[in-house]
Amino acid sequence: MKEEYIEKVLAETKNKKGVLEEIIKDQEVNVTDDGLQTISVLAETQLELEEGIEEKQNELKVLKEKHRRISEEQLPDALMEVGVSEFKLKDGTKISTATYYSARITPDTKEDAFSWLRGNNFADLIKNTVSVSFGRDEDEIAQILLNELNGQGLNTTQKEWVEPMTLKAFVREQVEKGADLPHNTFNIFIGQRTKIKR
């Protein structure tokens, strides 16, 4: 098709420069149009996918919340009402309840929580990291003690925290021992959750 077009244009005009410019112009328009069409289709597809992903994530949140309500509230309550902690269906499916523990240290309770842990001989649960920022070729400075680094004006940062899983395990262990923990300080929640095995 392009060859026929080129021959026709050559026959109609004797100015080869004009013919060449015309061919290049036509080809650029086609390439540009095709490229823009591709970009447009791909952009539209990306937006549709992003909307689809957001929709599915919202659906998943709703499903997770429904599951949580049944497994942590409705089904444990139903089992408790009839006075059982386990139940077996005709098909062999076993429903049981287990105690679960939730605990976390928030920025508002961090000072009190760490003070309580240190005051009750549980300071080993607290992780403490001190970081110092160095430039290139400052390996020797990195060996100096933290107070000397601060004295030299180098920026240091300190982070103290308790791993969430460590805190949860600690709370479970202490509650099961009958220890008295400050529930508000550690945002402790103890509940029942059902497990279903087929």
Protein backbone atom coordinates (compact mmCIF):
# COMPACT_ATOMS: atom_id res chain seq x y z
CA MET A 1 0.00 0.00 0.00
CA LYS A 2 2.81 2.41 0.90
CA GLU A 3 4.69 1.54 -2.32
CA GLU A 4 1.68 2.39 -4.47
CA TYR A 5 1.25 5.65 -2.61
CA ILE A 6 4.93 6.56 -3.11
CA GLU A 7 4.76 5.76 -6.85
CA LYS A 8 1.60 7.85 -7.25
CA VAL A 9 3.15 10.80 -5.44
CA LEU A 10 6.34 10.52 -7.54
CA ALA A 11 4.32 10.49 -10.72
CA GLU A 12 2.28 13.53 -9.73
CA THR A 13 5.16 15.73 -8.77
CA LYS A 14 8.71 16.20 -9.98
CA ASN A 15 10.04 17.77 -6.80
CA LYS A 16 11.67 14.80 -5.02
CA LYS A 17 12.29 16.84 -1.90
CA GLY A 18 8.61 17.71 -1.64
CA VAL A 19 7.68 14.07 -2.23
CA LEU A 20 10.05 12.86 0.49
CA GLU A 21 8.74 15.45 2.96
CA GLU A 22 5.15 14.38 2.16
CA ILE A 23 5.96 10.70 2.78
CA ILE A 24 7.74 11.46 6.07
CA LYS A 25 4.87 13.69 7.18
CA ASP A 26 2.28 10.97 6.47
CA GLN A 27 4.33 8.32 8.27
CA GLU A 28 4.87 10.55 11.34
CA VAL A 29 1.15 11.22 11.63
CA ASN A 30 0.40 7.49 11.44
CA VAL A 31 3.05 6.60 14.01
CA THR A 32 1.97 9.40 16.32
CA ASP A 33 -1.71 8.46 16.00
CA ASP A 34 -0.93 4.78 16.66
CA GLY A 35 1.28 5.70 19.61
CA LEU A 36 -1.34 8.00 21.10
CA GLN A 37 -4.00 5.34 20.60
CA THR A 38 -1.81 2.78 22.41
CA ILE A 39 -1.10 5.20 25.27
CA SER A 40 -4.78 6.04 25.59
CA VAL A 41 -5.86 2.38 25.68
CA LEU A 42 -3.15 1.43 28.19
CA ALA A 43 -3.93 4.41 30.45
CA GLU A 44 -7.64 3.58 30.38
CA THR A 45 -6.86 -0.07 31.17
CA GLN A 46 -4.61 0.93 34.08
CA LEU A 47 -7.33 3.14 35.55
CA GLU A 48 -9.92 0.37 35.20
CA LEU A 49 -7.57 -2.09 36.92
CA GLU A 50 -6.85 0.35 39.76
CA GLU A 51 -10.59 0.86 40.28
CA GLY A 52 -11.11 -2.92 40.19
CA ILE A 53 -8.33 -3.49 42.73
CA GLU A 54 -9.76 -0.84 45.07
CA GLU A 55 -13.22 -2.39 44.74
CA LYS A 56 -11.89 -5.88 45.54
CA GLN A 57 -9.89 -4.54 48.50
CA ASN A 58 -13.05 -2.93 49.86
CA GLU A 59 -14.96 -6.19 49.35
CA LEU A 60 -12.16 -8.05 51.17
CA LYS A 61 -12.36 -5.61 54.12
CA VAL A 62 -16.10 -6.23 54.38
CA LEU A 63 -15.59 -10.03 54.25
CA LYS A 64 -12.84 -9.88 56.88
CA GLU A 65 -15.04 -7.82 59.20
CA LYS A 66 -17.96 -10.26 58.75
CA HIS A 67 -15.60 -13.17 59.45
CA ARG A 68 -14.23 -11.42 62.55
CA ARG A 69 -17.71 -10.76 63.94
CA ILE A 70 -18.76 -14.38 63.48
CA SER A 71 -15.49 -15.97 64.72
CA GLU A 72 -14.87 -13.59 67.64
CA GLU A 73 -18.38 -12.64 68.72
CA GLN A 74 -21.41 -14.47 67.36
CA LEU A 75 -20.18 -18.08 67.25
CA PRO A 76 -18.34 -17.98 70.62
CA ASP A 77 -21.44 -16.39 72.17
CA ALA A 78 -23.68 -19.07 70.64
CA LEU A 79 -21.45 -21.84 72.02
CA MET A 80 -21.38 -20.16 75.44
CA GLU A 81 -25.18 -19.88 75.47
CA VAL A 82 -25.57 -23.65 75.20
CA GLY A 83 -22.72 -24.18 77.67
CA VAL A 84 -20.11 -25.84 75.43
CA SER A 85 -16.66 -24.85 74.24
CA GLU A 86 -16.54 -27.50 71.50
CA PHE A 87 -19.12 -28.79 69.09
CA LYS A 88 -19.01 -31.52 66.46
CA LEU A 89 -21.28 -31.49 63.40
CA LYS A 90 -22.70 -34.62 61.72
CA ASP A 91 -20.15 -34.39 58.91
CA GLY A 92 -17.27 -34.49 61.41
CA THR A 93 -16.54 -30.76 61.35
CA LYS A 94 -15.23 -29.68 64.76
CA ILE A 95 -15.94 -26.21 66.14
CA SER A 96 -13.93 -25.08 69.16
CA THR A 97 -13.13 -21.85 70.94
CA ALA A 98 -9.74 -20.62 72.02
CA THR A 99 -8.70 -17.58 74.00
CA TYR A 100 -6.78 -14.95 72.07
CA TYR A 101 -4.83 -11.99 73.38
CA SER A 102 -4.33 -8.59 71.85
CA ALA A 103 -1.94 -5.95 73.18
CA ARG A 104 -0.17 -2.91 71.81
CA ILE A 105 1.82 0.05 72.97
CA THR A 106 0.64 3.34 71.48
CA PRO A 107 2.59 6.61 71.38
CA ASP A 108 0.29 7.87 74.17
CA THR A 109 1.05 4.93 76.47
CA LYS A 110 4.68 4.30 75.48
CA GLU A 111 6.27 6.15 78.41
CA ASP A 112 4.03 4.46 81.01
CA ALA A 113 4.41 1.04 79.37
CA PHE A 114 8.22 1.21 79.28
CA SER A 115 8.33 2.55 82.82
CA TRP A 116 6.13 -0.34 84.02
CA LEU A 117 8.25 -2.94 82.17
CA ARG A 118 11.49 -1.51 83.60
CA GLY A 119 10.02 -1.19 87.09
CA ASN A 120 8.79 -4.81 87.06
CA ASN A 121 12.02 -6.42 85.78
CA PHE A 122 10.82 -6.89 82.19
CA ALA A 123 13.17 -4.34 80.59
CA ASP A 124 14.64 -7.11 78.41
CA LEU A 125 11.46 -6.94 76.28
CA ILE A 126 12.40 -3.42 75.18
CA LYS A 127 14.56 -3.18 72.10
CA ASN A 128 16.78 -0.13 72.00
CA THR A 129 18.54 0.96 68.83
CA VAL A 130 20.79 4.00 68.50
CA SER A 131 21.61 5.08 64.95
CA VAL A 132 24.21 7.52 63.75
CA SER A 133 24.43 8.99 60.26
CA PHE A 134 27.92 9.13 58.73
CA GLY A 135 29.26 10.47 55.46
CA ARG A 136 31.71 8.70 53.20
CA ASP A 137 35.10 7.68 54.56
CA GLU A 138 34.04 8.18 58.19
CA ASP A 139 34.66 4.62 59.38
CA GLU A 140 36.98 5.77 62.18
CA ILE A 141 34.35 8.17 63.55
CA ALA A 142 31.82 5.30 63.59
CA GLN A 143 33.96 3.55 66.23
CA ILE A 144 33.72 6.40 68.75
CA LEU A 145 31.26 6.04 71.61
CA LEU A 146 27.79 7.58 71.33
CA ASN A 147 28.43 10.41 73.79
CA GLU A 148 31.58 11.40 71.93
CA LEU A 149 29.62 11.41 68.68
CA ASN A 150 27.02 13.72 70.18
CA GLY A 151 29.85 15.93 71.47
CA GLN A 152 31.16 16.20 67.90
CA GLY A 153 27.74 17.37 66.65
CA LEU A 154 26.92 14.25 64.66
CA ASN A 155 23.21 13.49 64.33
CA THR A 156 22.07 10.47 66.31
CA THR A 157 18.64 8.92 66.63
CA GLN A 158 17.29 6.50 69.21
CA LYS A 159 14.40 4.08 68.80
CA GLU A 160 12.90 2.04 71.60
CA TRP A 161 10.16 -0.51 70.99
CA VAL A 162 8.73 -3.88 71.94
CA GLU A 163 8.03 -6.32 69.11
CA PRO A 164 4.23 -6.77 68.77
CA MET A 165 4.39 -10.58 68.83
CA THR A 166 6.72 -10.50 71.84
CA LEU A 167 4.29 -8.20 73.68
CA LYS A 168 1.32 -10.42 72.85
CA ALA A 169 3.16 -13.55 74.05
CA PHE A 170 4.26 -11.74 77.23
CA VAL A 171 0.70 -10.60 77.99
CA ARG A 172 -0.67 -14.11 77.42
CA GLU A 173 1.97 -15.65 79.67
CA GLN A 174 1.41 -13.11 82.46
CA VAL A 175 -2.40 -13.33 82.31
CA GLU A 176 -2.30 -17.13 82.42
CA LYS A 177 -0.01 -16.90 85.47
CA GLY A 178 -2.56 -14.63 87.12
CA ALA A 179 -0.30 -11.56 87.12
CA ASP A 180 -1.88 -8.14 87.44
CA LEU A 181 -1.11 -6.11 84.32
CA PRO A 182 -2.10 -2.50 83.61
CA HIS A 183 -4.64 -3.26 80.85
CA ASN A 184 -5.03 0.33 79.65
CA THR A 185 -1.29 0.91 79.44
CA PHE A 186 -0.83 -2.09 77.14
CA ASN A 187 -4.25 -1.82 75.46
CA ILE A 188 -4.94 -5.43 76.41
CA PHE A 189 -7.95 -7.23 75.01
CA ILE A 190 -8.76 -10.85 75.76
CA GLY A 191 -11.43 -12.59 73.77
CA GLN A 192 -12.62 -15.90 72.37
CA ARG A 193 -12.16 -16.96 68.78
CA THR A 194 -13.64 -20.02 67.11
CA LYS A 195 -11.65 -22.49 65.05
CA ILE A 196 -13.32 -24.82 62.60
CA LYS A 197 -11.59 -28.03 61.47
CA ARG A 198 -12.96 -30.39 58.87
